[in-house]
Amino acid sequence: MEVPGAQSSLEKVYHGNLQANKMVSEKDMRRKKAFVVIEINTAFSSRRRRDSVRETWMPRGEKLIQLEKEKGIVVRFIIGHSVTSKSILDRVIDSEESQHMDFLRLEHVEGYHELTAKTKTFFATAFANWDARFYVKVDDDVHVNLDVSLGAWFIGLDVEHIDDRNMCCGTPPVVFADPWKESKKFTRNAAKKV
């Protein structure tokens, strides 16, 4: 999701070109600059999926911080809280967060029937915290090739020549007996997730 209108007004603030009749709130001034904010939608029961994402395409520790500082690419798992305050589910996520530092906790009660509200809350929270050109949501069962995907999605490159199994996939790539036929099926299934 690109937010061009908000980008232009904030750019004026950062370059000192404030117009006399425009007031900018302190909240807008505190937003961190980023190129893209990537949210990975997750649930309390998805620890194995989060570990898989960390082991494959999401940088960890200092590399995650470096990606954010040098490239402006912010990647976070998003999750709300349980119905019961400070439950065992919340404590497990707090423990995982202290270990990996890759969560964005939302003011949202987790639940399967609340996924739309969770996504809406993410975009509002991300916009409040980061001044980004793009805001992206993916599920925790999607594996992204950041080099290919970001180049294709955000810069607008023609990627027809790239094998679509390398763009993103819910499961590790598989060698198919009939690559053309299976590639079409894969593309349809991947597009549903993205």
N, C-alpha and C. Protein backbone atom coordinates (compact mmCIF):
# COMPACT_ATOMS: atom_id res chain seq x y z
N MET A 1 0.83 -1.16 0.00
CA MET A 1 0.00 0.00 0.00
C MET A 1 0.88 1.23 0.00
N GLU A 2 0.81 2.05 -1.00
CA GLU A 2 1.59 3.28 -1.08
C GLU A 2 0.75 4.43 -0.60
N VAL A 3 1.38 5.33 0.13
CA VAL A 3 0.66 6.48 0.67
C VAL A 3 1.32 7.75 0.16
N PRO A 4 1.05 8.14 -1.10
CA PRO A 4 1.76 9.28 -1.68
C PRO A 4 1.39 10.62 -1.07
N GLY A 5 0.15 10.84 -0.68
CA GLY A 5 -0.26 12.13 -0.13
C GLY A 5 0.44 12.44 1.18
N ALA A 6 0.49 11.45 2.05
CA ALA A 6 1.14 11.65 3.35
C ALA A 6 2.64 11.84 3.17
N GLN A 7 3.22 11.15 2.22
CA GLN A 7 4.64 11.26 1.97
C GLN A 7 5.02 12.69 1.61
N SER A 8 4.27 13.32 0.71
CA SER A 8 4.64 14.65 0.25
C SER A 8 4.55 15.69 1.36
N SER A 9 3.54 15.61 2.23
CA SER A 9 3.44 16.60 3.30
C SER A 9 4.56 16.43 4.32
N LEU A 10 4.94 15.18 4.59
CA LEU A 10 6.03 14.97 5.54
C LEU A 10 7.38 15.34 4.94
N GLU A 11 7.55 15.15 3.66
CA GLU A 11 8.81 15.56 3.03
C GLU A 11 9.01 17.06 3.18
N LYS A 12 7.93 17.84 3.09
CA LYS A 12 8.04 19.28 3.28
C LYS A 12 8.55 19.60 4.67
N VAL A 13 8.11 18.85 5.66
CA VAL A 13 8.55 19.09 7.03
C VAL A 13 10.04 18.82 7.15
N TYR A 14 10.49 17.71 6.62
CA TYR A 14 11.89 17.33 6.77
C TYR A 14 12.83 18.25 6.01
N HIS A 15 12.36 18.89 4.97
CA HIS A 15 13.22 19.80 4.21
C HIS A 15 13.06 21.24 4.67
N GLY A 16 12.29 21.47 5.73
CA GLY A 16 12.15 22.80 6.27
C GLY A 16 11.29 23.73 5.43
N ASN A 17 10.50 23.21 4.53
CA ASN A 17 9.68 24.04 3.65
C ASN A 17 8.25 24.11 4.14
N LEU A 18 8.07 24.39 5.41
CA LEU A 18 6.71 24.48 5.95
C LEU A 18 6.02 25.72 5.41
N GLN A 19 4.80 25.54 4.98
CA GLN A 19 4.02 26.68 4.56
C GLN A 19 3.41 27.30 5.80
N ALA A 20 3.19 28.59 5.79
CA ALA A 20 2.69 29.30 6.97
C ALA A 20 1.32 28.81 7.41
N ASN A 21 0.48 28.39 6.48
CA ASN A 21 -0.87 27.98 6.85
C ASN A 21 -1.00 26.49 7.17
N LYS A 22 0.09 25.74 7.18
CA LYS A 22 0.03 24.30 7.48
C LYS A 22 0.69 24.05 8.82
N MET A 23 -0.04 23.39 9.69
CA MET A 23 0.49 23.01 10.99
C MET A 23 0.78 21.51 10.96
N VAL A 24 1.92 21.12 11.49
CA VAL A 24 2.29 19.71 11.54
C VAL A 24 2.37 19.30 13.00
N SER A 25 1.70 18.22 13.35
CA SER A 25 1.67 17.80 14.75
C SER A 25 3.01 17.21 15.17
N GLU A 26 3.22 17.18 16.49
CA GLU A 26 4.45 16.58 17.01
C GLU A 26 4.51 15.10 16.67
N LYS A 27 3.34 14.45 16.59
CA LYS A 27 3.31 13.03 16.27
C LYS A 27 3.91 12.77 14.89
N ASP A 28 3.60 13.64 13.91
CA ASP A 28 4.17 13.48 12.58
C ASP A 28 5.69 13.65 12.60
N MET A 29 6.18 14.52 13.46
CA MET A 29 7.62 14.76 13.53
C MET A 29 8.36 13.57 14.15
N ARG A 30 7.69 12.78 14.98
CA ARG A 30 8.34 11.65 15.66
C ARG A 30 8.37 10.39 14.81
N ARG A 31 7.67 10.36 13.72
CA ARG A 31 7.64 9.16 12.89
C ARG A 31 9.01 8.90 12.29
N LYS A 32 9.42 7.64 12.31
CA LYS A 32 10.72 7.26 11.74
C LYS A 32 10.59 7.13 10.22
N LYS A 33 11.61 7.52 9.51
CA LYS A 33 11.63 7.37 8.06
C LYS A 33 11.92 5.93 7.70
N ALA A 34 11.23 5.42 6.67
CA ALA A 34 11.45 4.07 6.18
C ALA A 34 11.04 4.02 4.71
N PHE A 35 11.62 3.08 3.99
CA PHE A 35 11.20 2.87 2.61
C PHE A 35 9.96 1.99 2.59
N VAL A 36 10.01 0.89 3.34
CA VAL A 36 8.88 -0.03 3.38
C VAL A 36 8.76 -0.62 4.78
N VAL A 37 7.53 -0.80 5.23
CA VAL A 37 7.25 -1.50 6.48
C VAL A 37 6.52 -2.79 6.11
N ILE A 38 7.16 -3.92 6.42
CA ILE A 38 6.59 -5.23 6.10
C ILE A 38 6.09 -5.86 7.39
N GLU A 39 4.82 -6.15 7.42
CA GLU A 39 4.17 -6.75 8.57
C GLU A 39 3.92 -8.21 8.26
N ILE A 40 4.31 -9.07 9.20
CA ILE A 40 4.06 -10.50 9.04
C ILE A 40 2.98 -10.88 10.04
N ASN A 41 1.81 -11.15 9.54
CA ASN A 41 0.66 -11.49 10.38
C ASN A 41 0.88 -12.86 11.01
N THR A 42 0.81 -12.94 12.34
CA THR A 42 1.06 -14.19 13.04
C THR A 42 0.03 -14.38 14.15
N ALA A 43 0.04 -15.56 14.75
CA ALA A 43 -0.89 -15.88 15.84
C ALA A 43 -0.11 -16.52 16.98
N PHE A 44 -0.75 -16.64 18.12
CA PHE A 44 -0.09 -17.24 19.28
C PHE A 44 0.42 -18.65 18.98
N SER A 45 -0.33 -19.41 18.22
CA SER A 45 0.00 -20.82 17.96
C SER A 45 1.00 -21.01 16.82
N SER A 46 1.55 -19.95 16.27
CA SER A 46 2.37 -20.05 15.06
C SER A 46 3.87 -19.94 15.32
N ARG A 47 4.35 -20.41 16.43
CA ARG A 47 5.79 -20.31 16.75
C ARG A 47 6.65 -20.98 15.68
N ARG A 48 6.25 -22.17 15.22
CA ARG A 48 7.06 -22.87 14.20
C ARG A 48 7.10 -22.07 12.90
N ARG A 49 6.02 -21.44 12.53
CA ARG A 49 6.01 -20.61 11.32
C ARG A 49 6.94 -19.41 11.48
N ARG A 50 6.90 -18.78 12.64
CA ARG A 50 7.79 -17.62 12.88
C ARG A 50 9.24 -18.06 12.83
N ASP A 51 9.56 -19.20 13.44
CA ASP A 51 10.93 -19.71 13.39
C ASP A 51 11.35 -20.01 11.96
N SER A 52 10.43 -20.55 11.15
CA SER A 52 10.74 -20.83 9.75
C SER A 52 11.05 -19.54 8.98
N VAL A 53 10.27 -18.51 9.22
CA VAL A 53 10.52 -17.22 8.57
C VAL A 53 11.87 -16.67 9.00
N ARG A 54 12.19 -16.76 10.28
CA ARG A 54 13.48 -16.26 10.78
C ARG A 54 14.65 -17.04 10.18
N GLU A 55 14.46 -18.33 9.98
CA GLU A 55 15.54 -19.16 9.45
C GLU A 55 15.72 -19.01 7.95
N THR A 56 14.71 -18.50 7.25
CA THR A 56 14.80 -18.43 5.79
C THR A 56 15.04 -17.01 5.28
N TRP A 57 14.11 -16.09 5.44
CA TRP A 57 14.25 -14.81 4.75
C TRP A 57 14.30 -13.58 5.64
N MET A 58 13.92 -13.68 6.87
CA MET A 58 13.91 -12.51 7.76
C MET A 58 15.23 -12.44 8.52
N PRO A 59 15.97 -11.34 8.37
CA PRO A 59 17.21 -11.21 9.14
C PRO A 59 16.92 -11.19 10.64
N ARG A 60 17.93 -11.58 11.42
CA ARG A 60 17.76 -11.62 12.88
C ARG A 60 18.80 -10.74 13.55
N GLY A 61 18.45 -10.28 14.75
CA GLY A 61 19.39 -9.55 15.59
C GLY A 61 19.90 -8.28 14.94
N GLU A 62 21.22 -8.15 14.94
CA GLU A 62 21.87 -6.96 14.39
C GLU A 62 21.59 -6.77 12.90
N LYS A 63 21.44 -7.88 12.17
CA LYS A 63 21.16 -7.77 10.73
C LYS A 63 19.79 -7.16 10.48
N LEU A 64 18.82 -7.44 11.35
CA LEU A 64 17.50 -6.83 11.22
C LEU A 64 17.58 -5.32 11.47
N ILE A 65 18.33 -4.93 12.48
CA ILE A 65 18.51 -3.51 12.78
C ILE A 65 19.27 -2.83 11.65
N GLN A 66 20.28 -3.49 11.12
CA GLN A 66 21.07 -2.95 10.01
C GLN A 66 20.21 -2.76 8.77
N LEU A 67 19.34 -3.72 8.47
CA LEU A 67 18.44 -3.62 7.32
C LEU A 67 17.54 -2.40 7.46
N GLU A 68 17.06 -2.18 8.66
CA GLU A 68 16.18 -1.04 8.92
C GLU A 68 16.94 0.28 8.78
N LYS A 69 18.13 0.36 9.36
CA LYS A 69 18.89 1.61 9.34
C LYS A 69 19.46 1.94 7.96
N GLU A 70 20.04 0.94 7.30
CA GLU A 70 20.73 1.19 6.04
C GLU A 70 19.81 1.20 4.82
N LYS A 71 18.82 0.31 4.80
CA LYS A 71 17.95 0.18 3.63
C LYS A 71 16.56 0.78 3.84
N GLY A 72 16.19 1.05 5.07
CA GLY A 72 14.86 1.57 5.34
C GLY A 72 13.78 0.51 5.21
N ILE A 73 14.15 -0.76 5.42
CA ILE A 73 13.20 -1.87 5.33
C ILE A 73 12.91 -2.37 6.74
N VAL A 74 11.70 -2.13 7.21
CA VAL A 74 11.29 -2.53 8.54
C VAL A 74 10.46 -3.80 8.41
N VAL A 75 10.87 -4.85 9.14
CA VAL A 75 10.16 -6.13 9.09
C VAL A 75 9.79 -6.52 10.52
N ARG A 76 8.51 -6.77 10.75
CA ARG A 76 8.04 -7.14 12.09
C ARG A 76 6.92 -8.17 12.00
N PHE A 77 6.89 -9.08 12.98
CA PHE A 77 5.72 -9.91 13.18
C PHE A 77 4.72 -9.05 13.93
N ILE A 78 3.43 -9.17 13.58
CA ILE A 78 2.44 -8.42 14.34
C ILE A 78 1.50 -9.38 15.06
N ILE A 79 1.19 -9.01 16.26
CA ILE A 79 0.27 -9.79 17.07
C ILE A 79 -0.34 -8.87 18.11
N GLY A 80 -1.58 -9.16 18.46
CA GLY A 80 -2.26 -8.38 19.48
C GLY A 80 -2.04 -9.01 20.85
N HIS A 81 -3.09 -9.08 21.62
CA HIS A 81 -3.02 -9.69 22.93
C HIS A 81 -4.22 -10.60 23.12
N SER A 82 -4.15 -11.45 24.12
CA SER A 82 -5.25 -12.39 24.38
C SER A 82 -6.40 -11.68 25.08
N VAL A 83 -7.52 -12.35 25.13
CA VAL A 83 -8.70 -11.79 25.79
C VAL A 83 -8.43 -11.53 27.26
N THR A 84 -7.72 -12.45 27.91
CA THR A 84 -7.36 -12.32 29.32
C THR A 84 -6.03 -11.60 29.43
N SER A 85 -6.00 -10.49 30.10
CA SER A 85 -4.79 -9.70 30.25
C SER A 85 -3.69 -10.49 30.95
N LYS A 86 -2.49 -10.41 30.41
CA LYS A 86 -1.29 -11.06 30.97
C LYS A 86 -1.44 -12.58 31.09
N SER A 87 -2.12 -13.18 30.12
CA SER A 87 -2.30 -14.63 30.14
C SER A 87 -1.00 -15.32 29.76
N ILE A 88 -0.99 -16.65 29.83
CA ILE A 88 0.19 -17.43 29.44
C ILE A 88 0.55 -17.17 27.99
N LEU A 89 -0.46 -16.97 27.12
CA LEU A 89 -0.19 -16.69 25.71
C LEU A 89 0.59 -15.39 25.55
N ASP A 90 0.19 -14.36 26.27
CA ASP A 90 0.89 -13.08 26.21
C ASP A 90 2.30 -13.20 26.76
N ARG A 91 2.47 -13.96 27.83
CA ARG A 91 3.80 -14.12 28.43
C ARG A 91 4.74 -14.87 27.50
N VAL A 92 4.23 -15.86 26.77
CA VAL A 92 5.06 -16.60 25.82
C VAL A 92 5.54 -15.65 24.71
N ILE A 93 4.64 -14.82 24.19
CA ILE A 93 5.04 -13.86 23.14
C ILE A 93 6.02 -12.83 23.71
N ASP A 94 5.79 -12.36 24.95
CA ASP A 94 6.73 -11.43 25.59
C ASP A 94 8.13 -12.05 25.69
N SER A 95 8.18 -13.33 26.04
CA SER A 95 9.46 -14.02 26.14
C SER A 95 10.15 -14.13 24.78
N GLU A 96 9.37 -14.48 23.76
CA GLU A 96 9.92 -14.57 22.39
C GLU A 96 10.38 -13.20 21.90
N GLU A 97 9.62 -12.17 22.24
CA GLU A 97 9.99 -10.80 21.86
C GLU A 97 11.30 -10.37 22.51
N SER A 98 11.49 -10.72 23.78
CA SER A 98 12.74 -10.35 24.45
C SER A 98 13.93 -11.07 23.84
N GLN A 99 13.70 -12.24 23.27
CA GLN A 99 14.77 -13.01 22.64
C GLN A 99 15.09 -12.49 21.24
N HIS A 100 14.07 -12.18 20.43
CA HIS A 100 14.29 -11.86 19.02
C HIS A 100 14.12 -10.39 18.67
N MET A 101 13.33 -9.63 19.44
CA MET A 101 13.11 -8.20 19.18
C MET A 101 12.57 -7.93 17.78
N ASP A 102 11.60 -8.73 17.33
CA ASP A 102 11.07 -8.57 15.98
C ASP A 102 9.54 -8.56 15.95
N PHE A 103 8.92 -8.09 17.02
CA PHE A 103 7.46 -8.01 17.10
C PHE A 103 6.99 -6.57 17.13
N LEU A 104 5.80 -6.38 16.63
CA LEU A 104 5.06 -5.14 16.83
C LEU A 104 3.76 -5.56 17.51
N ARG A 105 3.62 -5.23 18.79
CA ARG A 105 2.42 -5.61 19.54
C ARG A 105 1.34 -4.57 19.29
N LEU A 106 0.16 -5.04 18.95
CA LEU A 106 -0.96 -4.17 18.62
C LEU A 106 -1.95 -4.10 19.77
N GLU A 107 -2.67 -3.00 19.85
CA GLU A 107 -3.79 -2.86 20.77
C GLU A 107 -4.99 -3.52 20.10
N HIS A 108 -5.00 -4.84 20.16
CA HIS A 108 -5.99 -5.63 19.43
C HIS A 108 -6.14 -6.98 20.13
N VAL A 109 -7.36 -7.46 20.26
CA VAL A 109 -7.60 -8.78 20.84
C VAL A 109 -7.54 -9.81 19.71
N GLU A 110 -6.65 -10.79 19.86
CA GLU A 110 -6.45 -11.81 18.83
C GLU A 110 -7.68 -12.71 18.70
N GLY A 111 -7.96 -13.12 17.47
CA GLY A 111 -9.04 -14.05 17.19
C GLY A 111 -9.19 -14.20 15.69
N TYR A 112 -9.54 -15.39 15.26
CA TYR A 112 -9.64 -15.68 13.83
C TYR A 112 -10.65 -14.76 13.14
N HIS A 113 -11.74 -14.45 13.82
CA HIS A 113 -12.78 -13.62 13.22
C HIS A 113 -12.45 -12.13 13.32
N GLU A 114 -11.28 -11.82 13.84
CA GLU A 114 -10.86 -10.42 13.99
C GLU A 114 -9.69 -10.07 13.07
N LEU A 115 -9.45 -10.88 12.04
CA LEU A 115 -8.28 -10.66 11.18
C LEU A 115 -8.37 -9.34 10.41
N THR A 116 -9.55 -8.97 9.96
CA THR A 116 -9.70 -7.70 9.24
C THR A 116 -9.39 -6.53 10.16
N ALA A 117 -9.92 -6.59 11.37
CA ALA A 117 -9.65 -5.53 12.34
C ALA A 117 -8.16 -5.48 12.68
N LYS A 118 -7.51 -6.65 12.75
CA LYS A 118 -6.08 -6.71 13.05
C LYS A 118 -5.28 -6.03 11.95
N THR A 119 -5.63 -6.30 10.70
CA THR A 119 -4.93 -5.69 9.57
C THR A 119 -5.13 -4.18 9.58
N LYS A 120 -6.34 -3.76 9.82
CA LYS A 120 -6.63 -2.32 9.88
C LYS A 120 -5.83 -1.65 11.01
N THR A 121 -5.77 -2.32 12.17
CA THR A 121 -5.01 -1.79 13.30
C THR A 121 -3.53 -1.72 12.97
N PHE A 122 -3.02 -2.75 12.24
CA PHE A 122 -1.61 -2.71 11.84
C PHE A 122 -1.32 -1.48 10.99
N PHE A 123 -2.13 -1.26 9.94
CA PHE A 123 -1.85 -0.13 9.05
C PHE A 123 -1.92 1.19 9.81
N ALA A 124 -2.87 1.35 10.71
CA ALA A 124 -2.97 2.58 11.50
C ALA A 124 -1.74 2.73 12.40
N THR A 125 -1.32 1.64 13.04
CA THR A 125 -0.16 1.69 13.93
C THR A 125 1.13 1.93 13.15
N ALA A 126 1.28 1.24 12.03
CA ALA A 126 2.48 1.42 11.21
C ALA A 126 2.57 2.85 10.69
N PHE A 127 1.45 3.38 10.23
CA PHE A 127 1.45 4.76 9.73
C PHE A 127 1.77 5.75 10.84
N ALA A 128 1.31 5.47 12.05
CA ALA A 128 1.59 6.35 13.18
C ALA A 128 3.06 6.31 13.60
N ASN A 129 3.73 5.18 13.38
CA ASN A 129 5.12 5.02 13.83
C ASN A 129 6.16 5.27 12.75
N TRP A 130 5.83 5.00 11.49
CA TRP A 130 6.82 5.12 10.42
C TRP A 130 6.28 5.98 9.28
N ASP A 131 7.14 6.79 8.75
CA ASP A 131 6.85 7.56 7.55
C ASP A 131 7.45 6.76 6.39
N ALA A 132 6.69 5.83 5.86
CA ALA A 132 7.18 4.91 4.84
C ALA A 132 6.51 5.18 3.50
N ARG A 133 7.20 4.80 2.47
CA ARG A 133 6.62 4.92 1.13
C ARG A 133 5.62 3.79 0.88
N PHE A 134 5.91 2.60 1.44
CA PHE A 134 5.04 1.44 1.26
C PHE A 134 4.79 0.76 2.61
N TYR A 135 3.60 0.18 2.74
CA TYR A 135 3.22 -0.63 3.89
C TYR A 135 2.72 -1.96 3.33
N VAL A 136 3.32 -3.07 3.77
CA VAL A 136 3.03 -4.38 3.18
C VAL A 136 2.62 -5.36 4.28
N LYS A 137 1.61 -6.18 3.99
CA LYS A 137 1.17 -7.23 4.90
C LYS A 137 1.35 -8.58 4.23
N VAL A 138 2.00 -9.51 4.93
CA VAL A 138 2.09 -10.90 4.47
C VAL A 138 1.74 -11.80 5.64
N ASP A 139 1.37 -13.03 5.35
CA ASP A 139 1.09 -14.01 6.40
C ASP A 139 2.35 -14.74 6.78
N ASP A 140 2.35 -15.36 7.95
CA ASP A 140 3.56 -16.03 8.43
C ASP A 140 3.84 -17.36 7.73
N ASP A 141 2.96 -17.79 6.83
CA ASP A 141 3.24 -18.99 6.05
C ASP A 141 3.72 -18.65 4.64
N VAL A 142 4.06 -17.40 4.40
CA VAL A 142 4.57 -16.96 3.11
C VAL A 142 6.06 -16.66 3.28
N HIS A 143 6.85 -17.24 2.40
CA HIS A 143 8.29 -16.97 2.42
C HIS A 143 8.62 -16.08 1.24
N VAL A 144 9.29 -14.97 1.53
CA VAL A 144 9.54 -13.93 0.53
C VAL A 144 11.02 -13.90 0.20
N ASN A 145 11.33 -13.79 -1.09
CA ASN A 145 12.70 -13.52 -1.52
C ASN A 145 12.81 -12.01 -1.58
N LEU A 146 13.38 -11.38 -0.54
CA LEU A 146 13.40 -9.92 -0.44
C LEU A 146 14.07 -9.26 -1.64
N ASP A 147 15.19 -9.83 -2.11
CA ASP A 147 15.90 -9.23 -3.24
C ASP A 147 15.02 -9.15 -4.48
N VAL A 148 14.40 -10.25 -4.85
CA VAL A 148 13.57 -10.29 -6.06
C VAL A 148 12.25 -9.58 -5.83
N SER A 149 11.58 -9.88 -4.73
CA SER A 149 10.25 -9.34 -4.49
C SER A 149 10.26 -7.83 -4.35
N LEU A 150 11.15 -7.30 -3.55
CA LEU A 150 11.17 -5.84 -3.37
C LEU A 150 11.52 -5.13 -4.66
N GLY A 151 12.47 -5.70 -5.39
CA GLY A 151 12.82 -5.09 -6.67
C GLY A 151 11.65 -5.08 -7.63
N ALA A 152 10.93 -6.18 -7.68
CA ALA A 152 9.81 -6.30 -8.60
C ALA A 152 8.60 -5.49 -8.15
N TRP A 153 8.25 -5.61 -6.88
CA TRP A 153 7.02 -4.98 -6.40
C TRP A 153 7.14 -3.48 -6.26
N PHE A 154 8.28 -3.00 -5.77
CA PHE A 154 8.37 -1.60 -5.41
C PHE A 154 9.05 -0.73 -6.46
N ILE A 155 9.91 -1.31 -7.24
CA ILE A 155 10.60 -0.52 -8.25
C ILE A 155 9.91 -0.66 -9.59
N GLY A 156 9.05 -1.65 -9.74
CA GLY A 156 8.26 -1.81 -10.94
C GLY A 156 9.02 -2.48 -12.07
N LEU A 157 9.96 -3.36 -11.76
CA LEU A 157 10.71 -4.05 -12.80
C LEU A 157 9.84 -5.10 -13.48
N ASP A 158 10.14 -5.38 -14.72
CA ASP A 158 9.45 -6.44 -15.45
C ASP A 158 10.13 -7.75 -15.06
N VAL A 159 9.40 -8.63 -14.37
CA VAL A 159 10.01 -9.85 -13.84
C VAL A 159 9.45 -11.10 -14.49
N GLU A 160 8.92 -11.01 -15.70
CA GLU A 160 8.35 -12.18 -16.36
C GLU A 160 9.39 -13.27 -16.57
N HIS A 161 10.65 -12.88 -16.69
CA HIS A 161 11.70 -13.87 -16.96
C HIS A 161 12.15 -14.60 -15.69
N ILE A 162 11.73 -14.17 -14.52
CA ILE A 162 12.14 -14.79 -13.27
C ILE A 162 11.19 -15.92 -12.93
N ASP A 163 11.72 -17.05 -12.51
CA ASP A 163 10.90 -18.18 -12.11
C ASP A 163 10.05 -17.78 -10.93
N ASP A 164 8.71 -17.84 -11.09
CA ASP A 164 7.83 -17.33 -10.04
C ASP A 164 7.92 -18.12 -8.74
N ARG A 165 8.50 -19.30 -8.76
CA ARG A 165 8.67 -20.04 -7.52
C ARG A 165 9.71 -19.37 -6.62
N ASN A 166 10.56 -18.50 -7.17
CA ASN A 166 11.55 -17.79 -6.37
C ASN A 166 11.01 -16.48 -5.82
N MET A 167 9.87 -16.02 -6.30
CA MET A 167 9.31 -14.76 -5.83
C MET A 167 8.81 -14.89 -4.39
N CYS A 168 7.88 -15.78 -4.16
CA CYS A 168 7.43 -16.05 -2.80
C CYS A 168 6.71 -17.38 -2.81
N CYS A 169 6.73 -18.02 -1.69
CA CYS A 169 6.07 -19.31 -1.65
C CYS A 169 5.69 -19.65 -0.22
N GLY A 170 4.60 -20.39 -0.07
CA GLY A 170 4.14 -20.80 1.24
C GLY A 170 4.93 -21.99 1.76
N THR A 171 5.50 -22.77 0.86
CA THR A 171 6.30 -23.92 1.25
C THR A 171 7.58 -23.89 0.45
N PRO A 172 8.60 -24.62 0.86
CA PRO A 172 9.85 -24.63 0.09
C PRO A 172 9.61 -25.09 -1.34
N PRO A 173 10.43 -24.59 -2.30
CA PRO A 173 10.23 -24.96 -3.70
C PRO A 173 10.31 -26.47 -3.93
N VAL A 174 9.51 -26.96 -4.87
CA VAL A 174 9.48 -28.38 -5.21
C VAL A 174 9.73 -28.50 -6.70
N VAL A 175 10.46 -29.53 -7.12
CA VAL A 175 10.68 -29.77 -8.55
C VAL A 175 9.46 -30.50 -9.09
N PHE A 176 8.82 -29.91 -10.10
CA PHE A 176 7.59 -30.47 -10.65
C PHE A 176 7.88 -31.28 -11.91
N ALA A 177 7.04 -32.28 -12.18
CA ALA A 177 7.18 -33.08 -13.38
C ALA A 177 6.86 -32.23 -14.61
N ASP A 178 5.83 -31.40 -14.53
CA ASP A 178 5.45 -30.51 -15.62
C ASP A 178 5.54 -29.07 -15.11
N PRO A 179 6.73 -28.44 -15.18
CA PRO A 179 6.92 -27.12 -14.58
C PRO A 179 5.94 -26.06 -15.07
N TRP A 180 5.58 -26.06 -16.35
CA TRP A 180 4.69 -25.01 -16.87
C TRP A 180 3.31 -25.11 -16.23
N LYS A 181 2.74 -26.31 -16.21
CA LYS A 181 1.42 -26.52 -15.63
C LYS A 181 1.44 -26.21 -14.13
N GLU A 182 2.41 -26.75 -13.42
CA GLU A 182 2.48 -26.54 -11.97
C GLU A 182 2.81 -25.10 -11.63
N SER A 183 3.57 -24.42 -12.47
CA SER A 183 3.90 -23.02 -12.23
C SER A 183 2.65 -22.16 -12.22
N LYS A 184 1.70 -22.45 -13.13
CA LYS A 184 0.45 -21.69 -13.15
C LYS A 184 -0.34 -21.92 -11.88
N LYS A 185 -0.40 -23.18 -11.41
CA LYS A 185 -1.10 -23.47 -10.16
C LYS A 185 -0.44 -22.74 -9.00
N PHE A 186 0.89 -22.77 -8.97
CA PHE A 186 1.62 -22.12 -7.90
C PHE A 186 1.34 -20.62 -7.89
N THR A 187 1.37 -20.01 -9.05
CA THR A 187 1.15 -18.56 -9.15
C THR A 187 -0.24 -18.21 -8.62
N ARG A 188 -1.25 -18.98 -8.96
CA ARG A 188 -2.60 -18.71 -8.45
C ARG A 188 -2.63 -18.83 -6.94
N ASN A 189 -2.02 -19.87 -6.39
CA ASN A 189 -2.03 -20.07 -4.95
C ASN A 189 -1.22 -19.01 -4.22
N ALA A 190 -0.08 -18.63 -4.77
CA ALA A 190 0.73 -17.58 -4.14
C ALA A 190 0.02 -16.24 -4.19
N ALA A 191 -0.67 -15.97 -5.29
CA ALA A 191 -1.37 -14.68 -5.41
C ALA A 191 -2.49 -14.58 -4.37
N LYS A 192 -3.12 -15.71 -4.02
CA LYS A 192 -4.15 -15.68 -2.99
C LYS A 192 -3.56 -15.26 -1.64
N LYS A 193 -2.34 -15.69 -1.36
CA LYS A 193 -1.71 -15.36 -0.09
C LYS A 193 -1.22 -13.92 -0.06
N VAL A 194 -0.65 -13.45 -1.17
CA VAL A 194 -0.10 -12.10 -1.23
C VAL A 194 -1.22 -11.15 -1.44
